[in-house]
Amino acid sequence: MIRVQREDFDIGRELDRLAAGDHSVGGVASFIGLVRDMGGPEPVSALTLEHYPGMTEKKLAEIEAEANRRWPLSASLIVHRYGRLEPGDRIVLVATASPHREAALAACHFLIDWLKTDAPFWKSEATPEGERWVAARTEDDAAARRWREEQ
């Protein structure tokens, strides 16, 4: 399941619904991304995420389908927010459920790595010097490349 939304989400409710009633699930893995108050050496007072509706959901569905192709998942969830967020706010929830913990953990790790590099979101940070676009990070590209090599 994929949702792109402005409003916050309830982590407990989302995880409860993920594999509700599916007693074959042996493991649920999750990742929650939060807004930091620092962007490198500078303080950040807000993060604004922009996206193109339709295009974003399509790309997230492709990423989710790839995780389901690679691992035996019973369920998966991506909830990604957009709009203006402040330090401490939740940005993203990725969760996977599988009969076995190894698959749930690996798929969750894969999903967040690919979201960081392949999901069409544009981020702008509010700093004391003004607004600035967030550039891609070499570390994120290297993490995603690892998964591409394992195809």
C-alpha atoms as a PDB file:
ATOM      1  CA  MET A   1       0.000   0.000   0.000  1.00  0.00           C
ATOM      2  CA  ILE A   2       1.229   3.475  -0.870  1.00  0.00           C
ATOM      3  CA  ARG A   3       0.039   6.836   0.382  1.00  0.00           C
ATOM      4  CA  VAL A   4       1.443  10.287  -0.290  1.00  0.00           C
ATOM      5  CA  GLN A   5      -0.170  12.789   2.043  1.00  0.00           C
ATOM      6  CA  ARG A   6       0.218  16.135   3.737  1.00  0.00           C
ATOM      7  CA  GLU A   7      -1.146  15.019   7.126  1.00  0.00           C
ATOM      8  CA  ASP A   8       0.736  13.102   9.805  1.00  0.00           C
ATOM      9  CA  PHE A   9       0.206   9.380  10.360  1.00  0.00           C
ATOM     10  CA  ASP A  10      -0.280   7.190  13.425  1.00  0.00           C
ATOM     11  CA  ILE A  11       2.570   4.670  13.510  1.00  0.00           C
ATOM     12  CA  GLY A  12       0.804   2.206  15.798  1.00  0.00           C
ATOM     13  CA  ARG A  13      -2.399   2.216  13.760  1.00  0.00           C
ATOM     14  CA  GLU A  14      -0.478   1.778  10.500  1.00  0.00           C
ATOM     15  CA  LEU A  15       1.539  -1.160  11.826  1.00  0.00           C
ATOM     16  CA  ASP A  16      -1.549  -2.787  13.369  1.00  0.00           C
ATOM     17  CA  ARG A  17      -3.315  -2.678   9.984  1.00  0.00           C
ATOM     18  CA  LEU A  18      -0.305  -3.902   8.000  1.00  0.00           C
ATOM     19  CA  ALA A  19      -0.735  -7.608   8.682  1.00  0.00           C
ATOM     20  CA  ALA A  20      -4.001  -7.663  10.604  1.00  0.00           C
ATOM     21  CA  GLY A  21      -5.477 -11.154  10.622  1.00  0.00           C
ATOM     22  CA  ASP A  22      -2.605 -12.711   8.653  1.00  0.00           C
ATOM     23  CA  HIS A  23      -1.245 -15.289  11.072  1.00  0.00           C
ATOM     24  CA  SER A  24       1.411 -16.451   8.592  1.00  0.00           C
ATOM     25  CA  VAL A  25       3.361 -13.253   9.314  1.00  0.00           C
ATOM     26  CA  GLY A  26       6.361 -13.949  11.529  1.00  0.00           C
ATOM     27  CA  GLY A  27       8.050 -10.556  11.305  1.00  0.00           C
ATOM     28  CA  VAL A  28       7.225  -6.910  10.745  1.00  0.00           C
ATOM     29  CA  ALA A  29      10.016  -4.413  10.082  1.00  0.00           C
ATOM     30  CA  SER A  30       9.613  -0.662   9.966  1.00  0.00           C
ATOM     31  CA  PHE A  31      11.506   2.555   9.427  1.00  0.00           C
ATOM     32  CA  ILE A  32      10.287   6.003  10.434  1.00  0.00           C
ATOM     33  CA  GLY A  33      12.077   9.013   8.959  1.00  0.00           C
ATOM     34  CA  LEU A  34      12.064  12.272  10.920  1.00  0.00           C
ATOM     35  CA  VAL A  35      12.980  15.865  10.091  1.00  0.00           C
ATOM     36  CA  ARG A  36      16.354  16.779  11.608  1.00  0.00           C
ATOM     37  CA  ASP A  37      17.190  20.198  12.974  1.00  0.00           C
ATOM     38  CA  MET A  38      20.539  20.295  11.165  1.00  0.00           C
ATOM     39  CA  GLY A  39      21.356  20.230   7.457  1.00  0.00           C
ATOM     40  CA  GLY A  40      25.059  19.553   7.565  1.00  0.00           C
ATOM     41  CA  PRO A  41      26.643  22.221   9.766  1.00  0.00           C
ATOM     42  CA  GLU A  42      23.673  24.628   9.588  1.00  0.00           C
ATOM     43  CA  PRO A  43      20.507  24.657  11.697  1.00  0.00           C
ATOM     44  CA  VAL A  44      17.274  23.855   9.860  1.00  0.00           C
ATOM     45  CA  SER A  45      13.966  25.306  11.022  1.00  0.00           C
ATOM     46  CA  ALA A  46      11.783  23.547   8.421  1.00  0.00           C
ATOM     47  CA  LEU A  47      11.887  21.130   5.518  1.00  0.00           C
ATOM     48  CA  THR A  48       9.509  21.508   2.581  1.00  0.00           C
ATOM     49  CA  LEU A  49       8.872  18.479   0.378  1.00  0.00           C
ATOM     50  CA  GLU A  50       7.354  18.888  -3.074  1.00  0.00           C
ATOM     51  CA  HIS A  51       6.207  16.231  -5.534  1.00  0.00           C
ATOM     52  CA  TYR A  52       4.158  15.715  -8.691  1.00  0.00           C
ATOM     53  CA  PRO A  53       0.931  13.845  -7.879  1.00  0.00           C
ATOM     54  CA  GLY A  54       0.487  10.801 -10.063  1.00  0.00           C
ATOM     55  CA  MET A  55       4.157  10.576 -11.005  1.00  0.00           C
ATOM     56  CA  THR A  56       5.203  10.128  -7.381  1.00  0.00           C
ATOM     57  CA  GLU A  57       2.672   7.381  -6.641  1.00  0.00           C
ATOM     58  CA  LYS A  58       3.612   5.564  -9.849  1.00  0.00           C
ATOM     59  CA  LYS A  59       7.300   5.533  -8.941  1.00  0.00           C
ATOM     60  CA  LEU A  60       6.594   4.446  -5.365  1.00  0.00           C
ATOM     61  CA  ALA A  61       4.455   1.593  -6.722  1.00  0.00           C
ATOM     62  CA  GLU A  62       7.374   0.487  -8.926  1.00  0.00           C
ATOM     63  CA  ILE A  63       9.732   0.513  -5.940  1.00  0.00           C
ATOM     64  CA  GLU A  64       7.224  -1.421  -3.821  1.00  0.00           C
ATOM     65  CA  ALA A  65       6.690  -3.964  -6.621  1.00  0.00           C
ATOM     66  CA  GLU A  66      10.448  -4.535  -6.839  1.00  0.00           C
ATOM     67  CA  ALA A  67      10.596  -5.293  -3.104  1.00  0.00           C
ATOM     68  CA  ASN A  68       7.730  -7.758  -3.496  1.00  0.00           C
ATOM     69  CA  ARG A  69       9.534  -9.379  -6.432  1.00  0.00           C
ATOM     70  CA  ARG A  70      12.735  -9.833  -4.418  1.00  0.00           C
ATOM     71  CA  TRP A  71      11.299 -11.030  -1.086  1.00  0.00           C
ATOM     72  CA  PRO A  72       8.287 -13.115   0.018  1.00  0.00           C
ATOM     73  CA  LEU A  73       6.311 -10.290   1.593  1.00  0.00           C
ATOM     74  CA  SER A  74       2.833 -10.663   2.998  1.00  0.00           C
ATOM     75  CA  ALA A  75       2.350  -6.886   3.043  1.00  0.00           C
ATOM     76  CA  SER A  76       4.227  -3.654   2.542  1.00  0.00           C
ATOM     77  CA  LEU A  77       3.486  -0.033   3.279  1.00  0.00           C
ATOM     78  CA  ILE A  78       4.960   3.301   2.224  1.00  0.00           C
ATOM     79  CA  VAL A  79       3.508   6.480   3.700  1.00  0.00           C
ATOM     80  CA  HIS A  80       5.348   9.611   2.582  1.00  0.00           C
ATOM     81  CA  ARG A  81       4.441  13.140   3.552  1.00  0.00           C
ATOM     82  CA  TYR A  82       4.842  16.364   1.621  1.00  0.00           C
ATOM     83  CA  GLY A  83       4.505  20.024   2.481  1.00  0.00           C
ATOM     84  CA  ARG A  84       6.232  22.060   5.162  1.00  0.00           C
ATOM     85  CA  LEU A  85       7.505  19.999   8.097  1.00  0.00           C
ATOM     86  CA  GLU A  86       9.399  21.046  11.212  1.00  0.00           C
ATOM     87  CA  PRO A  87      12.196  19.293  13.125  1.00  0.00           C
ATOM     88  CA  GLY A  88      10.836  16.216  14.852  1.00  0.00           C
ATOM     89  CA  ASP A  89       7.962  15.768  12.392  1.00  0.00           C
ATOM     90  CA  ARG A  90       7.566  12.392  10.709  1.00  0.00           C
ATOM     91  CA  ILE A  91       8.367  12.336   6.983  1.00  0.00           C
ATOM     92  CA  VAL A  92       8.082   8.704   5.984  1.00  0.00           C
ATOM     93  CA  LEU A  93       6.980   5.308   7.246  1.00  0.00           C
ATOM     94  CA  VAL A  94       8.130   2.173   5.495  1.00  0.00           C
ATOM     95  CA  ALA A  95       6.945  -1.188   6.830  1.00  0.00           C
ATOM     96  CA  THR A  96       7.121  -4.747   5.585  1.00  0.00           C
ATOM     97  CA  ALA A  97       5.584  -7.987   6.831  1.00  0.00           C
ATOM     98  CA  SER A  98       6.738 -11.473   5.927  1.00  0.00           C
ATOM     99  CA  PRO A  99       6.581 -15.020   7.268  1.00  0.00           C
ATOM    100  CA  HIS A 100      10.294 -14.621   8.123  1.00  0.00           C
ATOM    101  CA  ARG A 101      12.116 -11.723   9.770  1.00  0.00           C
ATOM    102  CA  GLU A 102      15.055 -11.786   7.346  1.00  0.00           C
ATOM    103  CA  ALA A 103      12.818 -10.963   4.392  1.00  0.00           C
ATOM    104  CA  ALA A 104      10.935  -8.266   6.307  1.00  0.00           C
ATOM    105  CA  LEU A 105      14.170  -6.594   7.452  1.00  0.00           C
ATOM    106  CA  ALA A 106      15.910  -6.777   4.069  1.00  0.00           C
ATOM    107  CA  ALA A 107      12.875  -5.503   2.170  1.00  0.00           C
ATOM    108  CA  CYS A 108      12.403  -2.611   4.587  1.00  0.00           C
ATOM    109  CA  HIS A 109      16.069  -1.643   4.216  1.00  0.00           C
ATOM    110  CA  PHE A 110      15.799  -1.879   0.419  1.00  0.00           C
ATOM    111  CA  LEU A 111      12.655   0.253   0.301  1.00  0.00           C
ATOM    112  CA  ILE A 112      14.079   3.121   2.321  1.00  0.00           C
ATOM    113  CA  ASP A 113      17.368   3.061   0.388  1.00  0.00           C
ATOM    114  CA  TRP A 114      15.549   3.243  -2.951  1.00  0.00           C
ATOM    115  CA  LEU A 115      13.112   5.876  -1.712  1.00  0.00           C
ATOM    116  CA  LYS A 116      16.026   8.143  -0.799  1.00  0.00           C
ATOM    117  CA  THR A 117      17.385   8.053  -4.353  1.00  0.00           C
ATOM    118  CA  ASP A 118      14.531   7.131  -6.711  1.00  0.00           C
ATOM    119  CA  ALA A 119      11.359   8.674  -5.274  1.00  0.00           C
ATOM    120  CA  PRO A 120      10.519  11.966  -7.020  1.00  0.00           C
ATOM    121  CA  PHE A 121      10.446  14.317  -4.044  1.00  0.00           C
ATOM    122  CA  TRP A 122      12.242  17.640  -3.959  1.00  0.00           C
ATOM    123  CA  LYS A 123      13.363  18.957  -0.584  1.00  0.00           C
ATOM    124  CA  SER A 124      14.083  22.516   0.474  1.00  0.00           C
ATOM    125  CA  GLU A 125      15.521  23.442   3.876  1.00  0.00           C
ATOM    126  CA  ALA A 126      14.833  26.679   5.728  1.00  0.00           C
ATOM    127  CA  THR A 127      18.109  27.862   7.282  1.00  0.00           C
ATOM    128  CA  PRO A 128      19.266  31.149   8.846  1.00  0.00           C
ATOM    129  CA  GLU A 129      20.781  31.962   5.431  1.00  0.00           C
ATOM    130  CA  GLY A 130      17.453  31.346   3.658  1.00  0.00           C
ATOM    131  CA  GLU A 131      15.900  28.492   1.679  1.00  0.00           C
ATOM    132  CA  ARG A 132      18.143  25.969  -0.083  1.00  0.00           C
ATOM    133  CA  TRP A 133      17.482  22.832  -2.097  1.00  0.00           C
ATOM    134  CA  VAL A 134      18.755  19.597  -0.596  1.00  0.00           C
ATOM    135  CA  ALA A 135      21.284  17.906  -2.880  1.00  0.00           C
ATOM    136  CA  ALA A 136      21.573  14.160  -3.380  1.00  0.00           C
ATOM    137  CA  ARG A 137      24.021  12.531  -0.984  1.00  0.00           C
ATOM    138  CA  THR A 138      26.816  10.248  -2.149  1.00  0.00           C
ATOM    139  CA  GLU A 139      26.079   7.862   0.744  1.00  0.00           C
ATOM    140  CA  ASP A 140      22.464   7.433  -0.389  1.00  0.00           C
ATOM    141  CA  ASP A 141      23.528   6.732  -3.969  1.00  0.00           C
ATOM    142  CA  ALA A 142      26.028   4.110  -2.754  1.00  0.00           C
ATOM    143  CA  ALA A 143      23.345   2.392  -0.640  1.00  0.00           C
ATOM    144  CA  ALA A 144      20.940   2.201  -3.585  1.00  0.00           C
ATOM    145  CA  ARG A 145      23.699   1.008  -5.923  1.00  0.00           C
ATOM    146  CA  ARG A 146      24.330  -1.957  -3.616  1.00  0.00           C
ATOM    147  CA  TRP A 147      20.764  -3.154  -4.159  1.00  0.00           C
ATOM    148  CA  ARG A 148      21.027  -2.712  -7.938  1.00  0.00           C
ATOM    149  CA  GLU A 149      24.147  -4.889  -7.963  1.00  0.00           C
ATOM    150  CA  GLU A 150      22.265  -7.605  -6.068  1.00  0.00           C
ATOM    151  CA  GLN A 151      19.506  -7.887  -8.674  1.00  0.00           C
END
